[in-house]
Protein backbone atom coordinates (compact mmCIF):
# COMPACT_ATOMS: atom_id res chain seq x y z
CA MET A 1 -44.71 32.99 -1.91
CA LYS A 2 -44.44 29.20 -1.58
CA GLN A 3 -42.43 29.08 -4.82
CA VAL A 4 -40.07 31.79 -3.59
CA ILE A 5 -39.44 29.88 -0.37
CA ARG A 6 -38.76 26.68 -2.29
CA ILE A 7 -36.22 28.53 -4.47
CA LEU A 8 -34.54 30.01 -1.39
CA SER A 9 -34.54 26.58 0.21
CA GLY A 10 -32.88 25.10 -2.85
CA LEU A 11 -30.15 27.74 -2.72
CA LEU A 12 -29.63 26.97 0.95
CA ILE A 13 -29.20 23.29 0.10
CA LEU A 14 -26.51 24.17 -2.43
CA LEU A 15 -24.64 26.16 0.20
CA SER A 16 -25.10 24.06 3.33
CA GLY A 17 -25.02 20.71 1.55
CA GLN A 18 -22.05 21.26 -0.76
CA GLN A 19 -20.10 18.68 1.24
CA LEU A 20 -22.41 15.98 -0.15
CA TYR A 21 -21.12 16.45 -3.66
CA ALA A 22 -17.50 16.91 -2.61
CA GLN A 23 -17.60 13.46 -1.02
CA GLN A 24 -18.00 11.77 -4.40
CA MET A 25 -14.17 11.96 -4.59
CA THR A 26 -12.06 10.88 -1.65
CA ASN A 27 -8.42 10.27 -0.84
CA ALA A 28 -7.14 6.71 -1.07
CA GLU A 29 -5.98 6.45 2.52
CA LYS A 30 -3.37 4.22 4.18
CA LEU A 31 -1.38 3.64 1.01
CA SER A 32 2.11 2.43 1.86
CA VAL A 33 5.64 3.35 0.91
CA PRO A 34 7.02 -0.16 0.36
CA GLN A 35 10.62 -0.98 1.19
CA SER A 36 12.65 -0.36 -1.93
CA SER A 37 13.53 -3.27 -4.23
CA ALA A 38 16.72 -1.33 -5.03
CA PHE A 39 17.61 -1.58 -1.32
CA LYS A 40 16.65 -5.25 -1.05
CA LEU A 41 19.02 -6.43 -3.80
CA VAL A 42 22.06 -5.34 -1.77
CA ASP A 43 20.57 -6.58 1.54
CA ILE A 44 20.35 -3.06 2.97
CA SER A 45 16.73 -3.35 4.04
CA PRO A 46 15.15 -4.20 7.43
CA THR A 47 13.28 -7.05 5.75
CA LEU A 48 13.86 -8.74 2.40
CA ILE A 49 10.34 -10.19 2.32
CA GLU A 50 7.68 -7.61 1.44
CA SER A 51 4.22 -7.22 2.92
CA PRO A 52 1.13 -6.89 0.69
CA ALA A 53 0.49 -3.20 0.13
CA THR A 54 -0.79 -0.69 -2.41
CA PRO A 55 2.00 1.85 -2.97
CA LYS A 56 1.68 5.62 -2.95
CA ALA A 57 2.47 7.77 -5.97
CA PHE A 58 5.92 8.74 -4.71
CA GLY A 59 8.11 7.96 -1.73
CA LEU A 60 11.50 8.80 -0.25
CA GLY A 61 13.46 6.68 2.19
CA VAL A 62 16.55 7.01 4.37
CA LEU A 63 18.22 3.99 5.95
CA GLN A 64 21.20 3.76 8.25
CA SER A 65 23.09 1.01 10.00
CA PHE A 66 23.64 1.48 13.73
CA SER A 67 27.31 0.72 13.05
CA GLY A 68 27.55 3.56 10.54
CA ASP A 69 29.18 6.87 11.34
CA GLY A 70 27.61 10.29 11.05
CA TRP A 71 24.93 11.19 8.55
CA PRO A 72 22.91 8.35 6.89
CA GLN A 73 24.40 7.26 3.59
CA ASN A 74 21.63 5.11 2.10
CA TYR A 75 18.81 6.81 0.20
CA THR A 76 16.00 5.64 -2.02
CA ALA A 77 13.25 7.14 -4.16
CA GLN A 78 10.34 5.26 -5.69
CA PHE A 79 7.26 5.98 -7.71
CA THR A 80 4.17 4.18 -8.98
CA PRO A 81 3.41 5.14 -12.63
CA TYR A 82 -0.31 4.28 -12.27
CA TRP A 83 -0.96 7.34 -10.12
CA TRP A 84 0.77 9.58 -12.66
CA ALA A 85 -0.19 8.10 -16.04
CA LEU A 86 -3.87 7.18 -15.53
CA PRO A 87 -5.66 10.17 -13.99
CA LYS A 88 -9.10 8.98 -15.18
CA GLY A 89 -11.12 5.95 -14.22
CA ARG A 90 -9.85 5.79 -10.66
CA ASP A 91 -13.03 4.67 -8.96
CA VAL A 92 -13.12 2.22 -6.07
CA PHE A 93 -13.98 -0.71 -8.35
CA ASN A 94 -11.07 -0.07 -10.72
CA PHE A 95 -8.79 0.44 -7.71
CA ILE A 96 -9.58 -3.00 -6.27
CA GLY A 97 -10.38 -4.74 -9.56
CA VAL A 98 -14.07 -5.47 -8.97
CA LYS A 99 -16.28 -6.18 -12.00
CA ARG A 100 -19.88 -7.19 -12.42
CA TYR A 101 -21.02 -9.87 -14.81
CA LYS A 102 -24.55 -10.42 -16.09
CA ASN A 103 -25.74 -13.32 -18.21
CA GLY A 104 -29.22 -12.81 -19.61
CA ALA A 105 -31.91 -13.06 -16.96
CA SER A 106 -29.51 -14.43 -14.34
CA PRO A 107 -28.72 -12.23 -11.33
CA GLU A 108 -25.60 -10.13 -11.76
CA VAL A 109 -22.44 -11.48 -10.15
CA TRP A 110 -19.67 -9.35 -8.62
CA LYS A 111 -16.11 -10.70 -8.79
CA THR A 112 -12.58 -9.47 -8.17
CA ASN A 113 -9.98 -9.65 -10.92
CA PRO A 114 -6.94 -11.51 -9.44
CA PHE A 115 -4.56 -9.64 -11.80
CA SER A 116 -5.87 -6.14 -11.05
CA ALA A 117 -2.89 -5.14 -8.87
CA LEU A 118 -0.44 -5.38 -11.79
CA LYS A 119 -1.17 -1.71 -12.46
CA PHE A 120 0.47 -0.76 -9.15
CA THR A 121 3.96 -1.80 -10.32
CA ASN A 122 6.45 0.22 -8.30
CA ILE A 123 9.84 1.51 -9.58
CA SER A 124 12.69 2.35 -7.20
CA ILE A 125 16.23 3.68 -7.31
CA ALA A 126 18.75 3.82 -4.48
CA PHE A 127 22.10 5.39 -3.67
CA ILE A 128 23.99 3.26 -1.14
CA LYS A 129 27.38 3.15 0.57
CA LYS A 130 28.31 -0.33 1.76
CA ASP A 131 31.18 -2.81 1.61
CA MET A 132 29.88 -5.17 -1.06
CA VAL A 133 33.18 -6.90 -1.99
CA PRO A 134 33.93 -10.01 0.13
CA ASP A 135 37.65 -9.38 0.62
CA THR A 136 39.83 -8.48 3.60
CA VAL A 137 39.55 -4.74 2.86
CA THR A 138 36.73 -2.96 4.69
CA THR A 139 36.40 -0.08 2.22
CA SER A 140 32.80 0.74 1.31
CA GLN A 141 31.74 1.11 -2.30
CA LYS A 142 29.35 3.61 -3.77
CA VAL A 143 26.39 1.66 -5.14
CA PHE A 144 23.62 2.71 -7.52
CA SER A 145 20.68 0.33 -7.70
CA ALA A 146 17.38 0.28 -9.58
CA GLY A 147 14.50 -2.13 -9.14
CA PHE A 148 10.81 -2.88 -9.55
CA ARG A 149 8.07 -4.65 -7.62
CA THR A 150 4.74 -5.87 -8.97
CA THR A 151 1.83 -7.90 -7.67
CA VAL A 152 0.97 -10.69 -10.09
CA ILE A 153 -1.99 -12.22 -8.24
CA ARG A 154 -4.12 -10.83 -5.43
CA ALA A 155 -7.09 -12.72 -4.00
CA TYR A 156 -9.63 -11.46 -1.44
CA GLY A 157 -11.94 -13.41 0.83
CA ARG A 158 -15.36 -14.73 -0.10
CA GLY A 159 -18.01 -12.05 -0.62
CA TYR A 160 -15.54 -9.16 -0.79
CA ALA A 161 -16.79 -7.86 -4.17
CA GLU A 162 -20.46 -8.08 -3.18
CA ARG A 163 -19.85 -6.20 0.07
CA LEU A 164 -17.97 -3.42 -1.70
CA HIS A 165 -20.72 -3.08 -4.32
CA ALA A 166 -23.45 -2.92 -1.67
CA LEU A 167 -21.61 -0.19 0.26
CA VAL A 168 -20.89 1.97 -2.78
CA ASP A 169 -24.41 1.48 -4.15
CA THR A 170 -25.91 2.68 -0.85
CA LEU A 171 -23.48 5.59 -0.76
CA THR A 172 -24.40 6.58 -4.32
CA GLN A 173 -28.12 6.47 -3.59
CA LYS A 174 -27.70 8.68 -0.54
CA GLN A 175 -25.59 11.15 -2.51
CA GLN A 176 -28.28 11.42 -5.16
CA ALA A 177 -31.21 11.68 -2.73
CA ASP A 178 -33.10 14.98 -2.90
CA ILE A 179 -33.17 16.65 0.50
CA LEU A 180 -36.06 18.90 -0.60
CA ASP A 181 -38.25 15.81 -1.17
CA LEU A 182 -37.36 14.57 2.30
CA VAL A 183 -38.13 17.82 4.12
CA SER A 184 -41.34 18.38 2.15
CA SER A 185 -42.90 15.45 4.02
CA ASP A 186 -42.10 17.10 7.36
CA PRO A 187 -45.30 18.80 8.72
CA ALA A 188 -43.21 21.49 10.43
CA TYR A 189 -41.60 22.39 7.11
CA SER A 190 -44.95 22.55 5.30
CA ALA A 191 -46.36 24.79 8.03
CA ALA A 192 -43.35 27.08 7.82
CA VAL A 193 -43.69 27.35 4.02
CA LEU A 194 -47.40 28.28 4.32
CA SER A 195 -46.69 30.90 6.99
CA GLY A 196 -43.68 32.34 5.18
CA ASP A 197 -41.34 31.50 8.09
CA THR A 198 -38.02 31.39 6.21
CA ALA A 199 -35.96 30.97 9.41
CA THR A 200 -37.76 27.74 10.29
CA THR A 201 -37.50 26.34 6.75
CA ALA A 202 -33.77 27.11 6.71
CA ARG A 203 -33.28 25.43 10.11
CA ILE A 204 -35.16 22.28 9.03
CA ILE A 205 -33.17 22.02 5.80
CA ARG A 206 -29.90 22.39 7.72
CA GLN A 207 -30.98 19.63 10.08
CA TYR A 208 -31.78 17.22 7.22
CA THR A 209 -28.54 18.17 5.45
CA ALA A 210 -26.52 17.48 8.61
CA ARG A 211 -28.18 14.07 9.01
CA LYS A 212 -27.42 13.19 5.43
CA ASN A 213 -23.79 14.31 5.75
CA GLU A 214 -23.44 12.21 8.89
CA ALA A 215 -24.86 9.15 7.13
CA LEU A 216 -22.58 9.75 4.13
CA SER A 217 -19.51 10.08 6.34
CA ALA A 218 -20.32 6.81 8.10
CA LEU A 219 -20.76 5.02 4.77
CA MET A 220 -17.58 6.62 3.40
CA ASN A 221 -15.59 5.33 6.37
CA ARG A 222 -16.97 1.82 5.86
CA VAL A 223 -15.92 1.92 2.18
CA LYS A 224 -12.44 3.16 3.10
CA SER A 225 -12.10 0.41 5.71
CA GLN A 226 -12.86 -2.23 3.09
CA LEU A 227 -10.45 -0.69 0.58
CA VAL A 228 -7.53 -1.16 2.97
CA GLU A 229 -8.50 -4.74 3.81
CA LYS A 230 -5.59 -7.01 2.99
CA PRO A 231 -6.00 -9.83 0.46
CA VAL A 232 -6.09 -13.40 1.71
CA PHE A 233 -3.36 -14.36 -0.78
CA GLN A 234 -0.85 -12.30 -2.75
CA TRP A 235 2.01 -13.21 -5.08
CA ASP A 236 4.64 -10.53 -5.75
CA VAL A 237 7.58 -10.53 -8.16
CA SER A 238 10.50 -8.11 -7.84
CA GLY A 239 13.78 -7.52 -9.60
CA ALA A 240 16.76 -5.17 -9.37
CA TYR A 241 20.18 -4.33 -10.77
CA ALA A 242 23.11 -2.75 -8.91
CA THR A 243 26.35 -1.25 -10.15
CA TYR A 244 29.35 -0.64 -7.88
CA GLY A 245 31.76 2.28 -7.90
CA ILE A 246 35.15 0.55 -7.61
CA ALA A 247 37.97 2.79 -6.34
CA ASP A 248 35.86 5.86 -7.18
CA THR A 249 36.95 5.65 -10.83
CA THR A 250 35.15 2.70 -12.40
CA TRP A 251 31.55 1.53 -12.27
CA LYS A 252 30.99 -2.18 -12.77
CA THR A 253 28.05 -4.55 -12.60
CA GLY A 254 27.69 -5.75 -9.06
CA ARG A 255 24.46 -7.70 -8.69
CA ALA A 256 21.31 -8.53 -10.60
CA GLY A 257 18.46 -10.53 -9.20
CA ILE A 258 14.83 -11.52 -9.40
CA TRP A 259 12.74 -12.80 -6.50
CA SER A 260 9.24 -13.85 -5.63
CA THR A 261 7.12 -13.62 -2.48
CA VAL A 262 3.86 -15.33 -1.60
CA VAL A 263 1.88 -14.09 1.40
CA PHE A 264 -1.14 -15.47 3.25
CA ASN A 265 -3.04 -13.07 5.55
CA ALA A 266 -5.37 -14.27 8.29
CA PRO A 267 -7.54 -11.49 9.79
CA LEU A 268 -7.61 -11.63 13.57
CA ASN A 269 -10.75 -9.61 14.35
CA VAL A 270 -13.04 -10.51 11.45
CA HIS A 271 -15.73 -12.05 13.70
CA ARG A 272 -16.10 -9.04 15.97
CA THR A 273 -19.33 -7.14 15.29
CA GLY A 274 -18.57 -3.79 13.69
CA ALA A 275 -14.81 -4.44 13.68
CA ILE A 276 -12.61 -2.80 11.09
CA THR A 277 -10.36 -5.60 9.85
CA THR A 278 -6.89 -4.13 10.34
CA ASN A 279 -5.23 -6.81 12.51
CA TYR A 280 -3.57 -9.74 10.74
CA LEU A 281 -1.36 -12.74 11.12
CA SER A 282 0.79 -13.01 7.97
CA ILE A 283 2.85 -15.95 6.75
CA ALA A 284 5.17 -15.41 3.79
CA GLY A 285 7.46 -17.56 1.66
CA TYR A 286 10.35 -16.13 -0.37
CA ALA A 287 12.81 -17.22 -3.08
CA ARG A 288 15.48 -15.22 -4.93
CA TYR A 289 17.83 -16.00 -7.82
CA MET A 290 20.81 -13.64 -8.01
CA TYR A 291 23.92 -13.05 -10.11
CA ASP A 292 26.79 -11.64 -8.01
CA ALA A 293 29.90 -10.35 -9.78
CA TYR A 294 31.77 -10.15 -6.48
CA ALA A 295 31.55 -13.55 -4.83
CA ILE A 296 34.61 -15.39 -3.54
CA GLU A 297 36.05 -18.76 -4.61
CA LYS A 298 39.22 -20.24 -3.15
CA GLY A 299 40.16 -16.88 -1.71
CA MET A 300 39.74 -15.06 -5.05
CA ILE A 301 37.03 -12.68 -6.26
CA ALA A 302 34.79 -14.49 -8.76
CA HIS A 303 31.32 -14.13 -10.19
CA SER A 304 28.67 -16.59 -9.13
CA ASN A 305 24.97 -17.27 -8.96
CA SER A 306 23.14 -17.76 -5.69
CA VAL A 307 19.74 -18.86 -4.44
CA ASP A 308 17.87 -17.54 -1.40
CA VAL A 309 15.02 -19.38 0.29
CA GLY A 310 13.21 -18.18 3.38
CA GLY A 311 10.06 -17.23 5.20
CA ARG A 312 8.54 -14.70 7.55
CA LEU A 313 5.95 -14.60 10.30
CA SER A 314 4.45 -11.25 11.30
CA LEU A 315 1.63 -9.70 13.30
CA GLU A 316 -0.03 -6.43 12.38
CA PHE A 317 -1.96 -4.34 14.88
CA ASP A 318 -2.50 -1.12 13.00
CA PRO A 319 -0.42 1.10 13.07
CA VAL A 320 2.38 -1.23 14.20
CA SER A 321 3.59 -4.54 12.79
CA PHE A 322 6.41 -6.79 13.97
CA GLY A 323 7.76 -10.24 13.40
CA MET A 324 10.73 -12.36 12.34
CA GLU A 325 12.17 -13.54 9.05
CA ALA A 326 14.81 -16.12 8.22
CA ILE A 327 16.53 -16.54 4.82
CA TYR A 328 19.13 -19.10 3.79
CA ARG A 329 21.61 -18.23 0.97
CA ASN A 330 23.62 -20.72 -1.09
CA TYR A 331 26.27 -19.69 -3.66
CA ALA A 332 27.15 -21.96 -6.57
CA VAL A 333 30.94 -21.42 -6.20
CA GLY A 334 31.25 -23.31 -2.94
CA ASP A 335 30.37 -23.63 0.68
CA ASN A 336 32.36 -20.69 2.05
CA LEU A 337 29.63 -18.13 1.22
CA LYS A 338 26.72 -20.18 2.51
CA SER A 339 25.05 -18.11 5.20
CA GLN A 340 21.72 -17.06 6.63
CA ARG A 341 19.94 -13.89 7.63
CA VAL A 342 17.74 -14.10 10.72
CA VAL A 343 16.24 -10.83 11.95
CA GLY A 344 13.45 -9.46 14.06
CA PHE A 345 11.76 -6.35 12.72
CA VAL A 346 9.23 -3.68 13.61
CA ASN A 347 7.37 -1.18 11.38
CA TYR A 348 5.39 1.76 12.74
CA ARG A 349 3.13 4.21 10.90
CA VAL A 350 3.77 7.47 12.77
CA ALA A 351 1.38 9.53 10.63
CA LYS A 352 -0.61 9.16 7.43
CA ASP A 353 2.45 9.23 5.15
CA LEU A 354 5.33 8.76 7.59
CA TYR A 355 6.76 5.37 8.56
CA ILE A 356 9.70 4.19 10.62
CA ASN A 357 11.14 0.68 10.58
CA GLY A 358 14.02 -1.20 12.05
CA ALA A 359 15.60 -4.63 12.31
CA PHE A 360 18.14 -6.44 14.44
CA GLY A 361 19.71 -9.86 14.00
CA ASN A 362 22.31 -11.77 11.97
CA ASP A 363 23.16 -10.83 8.38
CA PHE A 364 24.64 -12.68 5.39
CA GLY A 365 28.42 -12.75 5.06
CA LEU A 366 31.66 -14.67 5.42
CA ASP A 367 31.29 -14.31 9.17
CA LYS A 368 28.18 -16.30 10.08
CA SER A 369 27.70 -14.21 13.26
CA ARG A 370 27.73 -10.85 11.48
CA ILE A 371 25.38 -8.46 13.29
CA LEU A 372 22.69 -6.51 11.42
CA ALA A 373 21.13 -3.42 13.01
CA LEU A 374 19.18 -1.03 10.76
CA PHE A 375 16.89 1.93 11.26
CA GLY A 376 14.91 3.61 8.48
CA VAL A 377 12.45 6.41 7.79
CA VAL A 378 10.19 6.54 4.71
CA VAL A 379 7.93 9.39 3.65
CA GLY A 380 5.15 9.25 1.07
CA PHE A 381 3.96 12.01 -1.24
CA GLY A 382 0.89 12.19 -3.45
CA ASN A 383 -2.77 13.16 -3.56
CA GLU A 384 -4.35 9.89 -4.69
CA LYS A 385 -8.12 10.25 -5.10
CA LEU A 386 -10.81 7.71 -5.92
CA ASP A 387 -14.34 8.25 -7.25
CA MET A 388 -16.89 6.84 -4.81
CA SER A 389 -19.97 7.32 -6.96
CA LYS A 390 -19.51 5.20 -10.07
CA LEU A 391 -20.82 1.68 -10.50
CA PRO A 392 -19.10 -0.36 -13.23
CA SER A 393 -21.11 -1.38 -16.25
CA ALA A 394 -21.60 -5.05 -16.98
CA PRO A 395 -19.31 -6.33 -19.76
């Protein structure tokens, strides 16, 4: 009789505790849909300086100037090949780039790989309508642009790798714990087994299963919170190419550029007990080198190179971030195209995969007081999952 009850109890565990095993895989939450590099090359983006973020598998964006008429005419699509090409090995350690190292009898050491974010290289394309030729005619050109963005170096704070390992190790141990061994030490359960009271044994097993699920959920949330923690330092490199539709009959090279961004993030609530570190002060520096086939020299259209230098200061209080950026542009052909872009911006995460952003200020151009007012919506798509149960082997 005791054996029968134990078998029935085991079946009940499989049914009532199936959530335990499902939690070994979880969605990678709060991934972003970064502002398109294809947009940024032609200055049709709320901000030209990017924030550190891990991109989703796929994203769509719509952007419109407040001075535009009718339906928005600027669209972008972007994808991250990593989420499509590498379906295996997506555990939390591979995601962040955490490895463990062991040297003989020495204690194992957990470290983050500063180059691990290279795998999240993001590709974007954009279809734009904007006046990109600096002449007296205000006709807009059709523009097709393609770009990329990659994170070269990403560095987290001290102890990040050890904390992640400790959380996942505890989570793994709880997932593998045998509920039947736990309930067997309960006197009420033993008495119910001896008396053949199947209702009581089932109730006790459900209680222990619920406690374990609750503990697992709490640990899972702590792991997820650490996964979205921003790095202390990040260096990004982006590039793009744009071709212009001139007079609706000819497509010609318009712009090509490469730029770099360095960002420092200072967490604002790291010392609060039990705080989830989602609030940051971010300081960024930016530089771009660009070839422009439609610059102006002595009143004539000419090709030229230009250099951008700028910075940004922003505050993030999840789910909203806001701040200001200023960029100075200098063309090689002369002083008449020297200008600056100074804007205030705001980004808001409306839902898990839905973001709105906007900016207002002064834009680049022949007229130094040219007004910029943009509003955009970006939507992310993808079912990005990470394995929460695997510990990496020591190399």
